[in-house]
Amino acid sequence: MSEEKELKLLEKARDVFMQYGIKSVNMDDMARHLGISKKTLYLYVKDKEELVHKSVFLHGQDEDEKMKEICAMGLNAIDELMAIMNWVTGILNKIHPSIVYDLEKYHPEVHYAMFDQRQNAIYECMMKNMKKGQREGLYRKDFNVDAITKFYIARLEIIFDQKLFPPSEWSLPQVYMELFKYHVRGIASEKGLEYLATKKLKTTK
């Protein structure tokens, strides 16, 4: 059982959970989607909880690498934020609407551990972006970077709230786009707003 084989299995398992949700996929379903026997699947994980845990944290690691890649591109703060927005939107287009609810209700330990991990990674990324934007004159300098970063992180959780944003009325990319526009226009300076006007932000509703 090589690490490479396990990594490929976890990548495929993650994609299955993202497409169908977590609660609705049992281990028989997963084995079928992966094209292996359930016996083989249990050589890699002891139960569904462990499979969810490993799949979710693999996704988190991939997100971290992608954010670092975007931040290393040398873009200005607004272009960097838009690159992150486009990447996140692509992910949200593939995610089943119930996935965060499923994690929180049926795998709370995984959910809270993942939430802590994501908070730290997103905090660092957004903090650097805001400080860069202030240096470049694209963001206002009259706001508290730490507070606004924490507000942003808190709002991210809300986009998955199906009571506030029923899947029958809102897609995840639509809700995220509204959050993005609210955030960037709220922190942009006059110079930043002028620059932002040259970009095309989709209107979702």
Protein backbone atom coordinates (compact mmCIF):
# COMPACT_ATOMS: atom_id res chain seq x y z
CA MET A 1 0.00 0.00 0.00
CA SER A 2 2.05 2.93 -1.30
CA GLU A 3 1.59 6.57 -0.33
CA GLU A 4 0.99 7.41 -3.99
CA LYS A 5 -1.90 4.95 -4.23
CA GLU A 6 -3.40 6.24 -0.99
CA LEU A 7 -3.13 9.83 -2.21
CA LYS A 8 -4.91 9.01 -5.48
CA LEU A 9 -7.64 7.16 -3.58
CA LEU A 10 -8.16 10.09 -1.22
CA GLU A 11 -8.30 12.55 -4.12
CA LYS A 12 -11.01 10.47 -5.78
CA ALA A 13 -12.89 10.03 -2.48
CA ARG A 14 -12.78 13.79 -1.91
CA ASP A 15 -14.25 14.37 -5.36
CA VAL A 16 -17.07 11.91 -4.63
CA PHE A 17 -17.94 13.64 -1.36
CA MET A 18 -17.83 17.04 -3.04
CA GLN A 19 -20.17 15.89 -5.80
CA TYR A 20 -22.71 13.92 -3.75
CA GLY A 21 -22.34 15.25 -0.22
CA ILE A 22 -21.09 13.27 2.75
CA LYS A 23 -24.15 11.83 4.49
CA SER A 24 -25.58 10.32 1.31
CA VAL A 25 -22.41 8.35 0.48
CA ASN A 26 -21.82 5.17 2.47
CA MET A 27 -18.75 2.96 2.19
CA ASP A 28 -20.42 0.63 -0.34
CA ASP A 29 -21.20 3.65 -2.52
CA MET A 30 -17.67 4.97 -2.15
CA ALA A 31 -16.07 1.66 -3.11
CA ARG A 32 -18.29 1.52 -6.19
CA HIS A 33 -17.38 5.07 -7.21
CA LEU A 34 -13.69 4.32 -6.69
CA GLY A 35 -13.91 1.10 -8.69
CA ILE A 36 -12.53 -1.04 -5.87
CA SER A 37 -13.96 -3.53 -3.41
CA LYS A 38 -15.02 -2.41 0.04
CA LYS A 39 -12.42 -4.80 1.42
CA THR A 40 -9.70 -2.93 -0.48
CA LEU A 41 -11.08 0.40 0.71
CA TYR A 42 -10.75 -0.76 4.32
CA LEU A 43 -7.04 -1.39 3.74
CA TYR A 44 -6.64 2.38 3.57
CA VAL A 45 -9.08 3.55 6.25
CA LYS A 46 -10.76 1.88 9.19
CA ASP A 47 -14.15 3.54 8.73
CA LYS A 48 -16.03 6.38 7.03
CA GLU A 49 -15.02 8.86 9.73
CA GLU A 50 -11.35 8.35 8.92
CA LEU A 51 -12.04 8.57 5.18
CA VAL A 52 -13.89 11.85 5.65
CA HIS A 53 -11.11 13.18 7.87
CA LYS A 54 -8.32 12.31 5.43
CA SER A 55 -10.26 13.54 2.40
CA VAL A 56 -11.19 16.85 4.01
CA PHE A 57 -7.67 17.58 5.21
CA LEU A 58 -6.23 16.68 1.82
CA HIS A 59 -8.56 19.27 0.34
CA GLY A 60 -7.36 21.80 2.91
CA GLN A 61 -3.72 21.14 2.04
CA ASP A 62 -4.47 21.59 -1.66
CA GLU A 63 -6.20 24.89 -0.90
CA ASP A 64 -3.20 26.11 1.07
CA GLU A 65 -0.85 25.31 -1.80
CA LYS A 66 -3.09 27.07 -4.31
CA MET A 67 -3.36 30.22 -2.17
CA LYS A 68 0.43 30.33 -1.81
CA GLU A 69 0.76 29.89 -5.57
CA ILE A 70 -1.59 32.81 -6.25
CA CYS A 71 0.13 35.02 -3.69
CA ALA A 72 3.51 34.28 -5.32
CA MET A 73 2.35 35.58 -8.72
CA GLY A 74 3.26 39.18 -7.90
CA LEU A 75 -0.20 40.59 -8.64
CA ASN A 76 -1.49 43.79 -7.09
CA ALA A 77 -3.84 43.32 -4.14
CA ILE A 78 -7.10 43.58 -6.10
CA ASP A 79 -5.95 41.29 -8.91
CA GLU A 80 -4.70 38.84 -6.29
CA LEU A 81 -8.06 38.91 -4.52
CA MET A 82 -9.87 38.41 -7.83
CA ALA A 83 -7.62 35.46 -8.71
CA ILE A 84 -8.51 33.88 -5.36
CA MET A 85 -12.19 34.66 -6.01
CA ASN A 86 -12.12 32.98 -9.43
CA TRP A 87 -10.39 29.92 -7.98
CA VAL A 88 -12.83 29.66 -5.04
CA THR A 89 -15.80 30.06 -7.39
CA GLY A 90 -14.50 27.15 -9.45
CA ILE A 91 -14.38 24.99 -6.32
CA LEU A 92 -17.86 26.07 -5.19
CA ASN A 93 -19.27 25.11 -8.58
CA LYS A 94 -18.25 21.53 -7.80
CA ILE A 95 -19.29 21.34 -4.15
CA HIS A 96 -22.57 19.76 -3.08
CA PRO A 97 -24.59 22.39 -1.13
CA SER A 98 -24.98 20.12 1.91
CA ILE A 99 -21.31 19.31 2.42
CA VAL A 100 -20.61 21.77 5.24
CA TYR A 101 -23.91 20.92 6.96
CA ASP A 102 -23.08 17.21 6.69
CA LEU A 103 -19.65 17.79 8.19
CA GLU A 104 -20.96 19.88 11.05
CA LYS A 105 -23.80 17.52 11.96
CA TYR A 106 -22.39 14.07 11.29
CA HIS A 107 -18.62 14.58 11.62
CA PRO A 108 -18.29 17.48 14.10
CA GLU A 109 -14.73 16.70 15.16
CA VAL A 110 -13.56 16.79 11.55
CA HIS A 111 -15.56 19.95 10.93
CA TYR A 112 -14.12 21.90 13.85
CA ALA A 113 -10.56 20.71 13.22
CA MET A 114 -10.91 21.70 9.57
CA PHE A 115 -12.48 25.02 10.53
CA ASP A 116 -9.51 25.86 12.73
CA GLN A 117 -7.07 24.91 9.97
CA ARG A 118 -8.92 26.98 7.37
CA GLN A 119 -9.24 29.95 9.70
CA ASN A 120 -5.49 30.11 10.18
CA ALA A 121 -4.68 29.76 6.47
CA ILE A 122 -7.33 32.25 5.32
CA TYR A 123 -6.41 34.71 8.07
CA GLU A 124 -2.78 34.77 6.99
CA CYS A 125 -3.67 35.10 3.30
CA MET A 126 -6.24 37.89 3.77
CA MET A 127 -4.09 39.77 6.28
CA LYS A 128 -1.19 39.88 3.80
CA ASN A 129 -3.54 40.91 0.98
CA MET A 130 -5.00 43.80 2.96
CA LYS A 131 -1.61 45.09 4.06
CA LYS A 132 -0.39 44.87 0.45
CA GLY A 133 -3.45 46.77 -0.77
CA GLN A 134 -2.88 49.51 1.77
CA ARG A 135 0.77 49.86 0.71
CA GLU A 136 -0.30 50.05 -2.94
CA GLY A 137 -2.96 52.64 -2.17
CA LEU A 138 -5.69 50.36 -3.53
CA TYR A 139 -7.25 49.81 -0.09
CA ARG A 140 -8.23 52.41 2.49
CA LYS A 141 -5.92 52.86 5.43
CA ASP A 142 -8.61 53.81 7.94
CA PHE A 143 -9.73 50.28 8.89
CA ASN A 144 -8.37 47.73 11.33
CA VAL A 145 -6.83 44.93 9.25
CA ASP A 146 -7.12 42.34 12.01
CA ALA A 147 -10.82 43.08 12.60
CA ILE A 148 -11.79 43.13 8.91
CA THR A 149 -9.92 39.88 8.29
CA LYS A 150 -11.86 38.22 11.10
CA PHE A 151 -15.16 39.64 9.80
CA TYR A 152 -14.36 38.17 6.39
CA ILE A 153 -13.62 34.71 7.84
CA ALA A 154 -16.83 34.76 9.91
CA ARG A 155 -18.90 35.64 6.85
CA LEU A 156 -17.43 32.76 4.85
CA GLU A 157 -19.24 30.28 7.08
CA ILE A 158 -22.57 31.99 6.41
CA ILE A 159 -22.53 31.28 2.68
CA PHE A 160 -23.14 27.60 3.45
CA ASP A 161 -26.19 28.31 5.63
CA GLN A 162 -29.04 26.70 3.70
CA LYS A 163 -31.69 28.46 5.78
CA LEU A 164 -30.37 31.88 4.82
CA PHE A 165 -29.54 30.87 1.26
CA PRO A 166 -31.77 27.96 0.15
CA PRO A 167 -30.12 25.95 -2.67
CA SER A 168 -33.37 26.28 -4.62
CA GLU A 169 -32.82 30.05 -4.76
CA TRP A 170 -29.07 30.52 -4.46
CA SER A 171 -26.02 28.68 -5.74
CA LEU A 172 -22.86 28.74 -3.64
CA PRO A 173 -20.94 30.74 -6.29
CA GLN A 174 -23.72 33.36 -6.32
CA VAL A 175 -23.59 33.86 -2.57
CA TYR A 176 -19.79 33.94 -2.56
CA MET A 177 -19.72 36.51 -5.35
CA GLU A 178 -22.00 38.82 -3.37
CA LEU A 179 -19.72 38.43 -0.34
CA PHE A 180 -16.67 39.15 -2.47
CA LYS A 181 -18.15 42.34 -3.94
CA TYR A 182 -19.28 43.49 -0.49
CA HIS A 183 -15.80 42.88 0.91
CA VAL A 184 -13.61 44.39 -1.80
CA ARG A 185 -15.77 47.47 -2.34
CA GLY A 186 -15.86 48.04 1.40
CA ILE A 187 -12.08 48.16 1.77
CA ALA A 188 -11.12 49.76 -1.56
CA SER A 189 -9.82 53.33 -1.68
CA GLU A 190 -10.90 55.76 -4.41
CA LYS A 191 -7.93 54.57 -6.44
CA GLY A 192 -8.95 50.96 -5.76
CA LEU A 193 -12.57 51.59 -6.78
CA GLU A 194 -11.40 53.19 -10.02
CA TYR A 195 -9.22 50.17 -10.72
CA LEU A 196 -12.02 47.80 -9.74
CA ALA A 197 -14.32 49.55 -12.24
CA THR A 198 -12.03 48.34 -15.03
CA LYS A 199 -12.67 44.75 -13.97
CA LYS A 200 -15.79 42.79 -14.75
CA LEU A 201 -17.60 41.50 -11.67
CA LYS A 202 -20.65 39.40 -12.42
CA THR A 203 -24.05 40.51 -11.15
CA THR A 204 -25.73 37.41 -9.72
CA LYS A 205 -29.25 38.51 -8.75
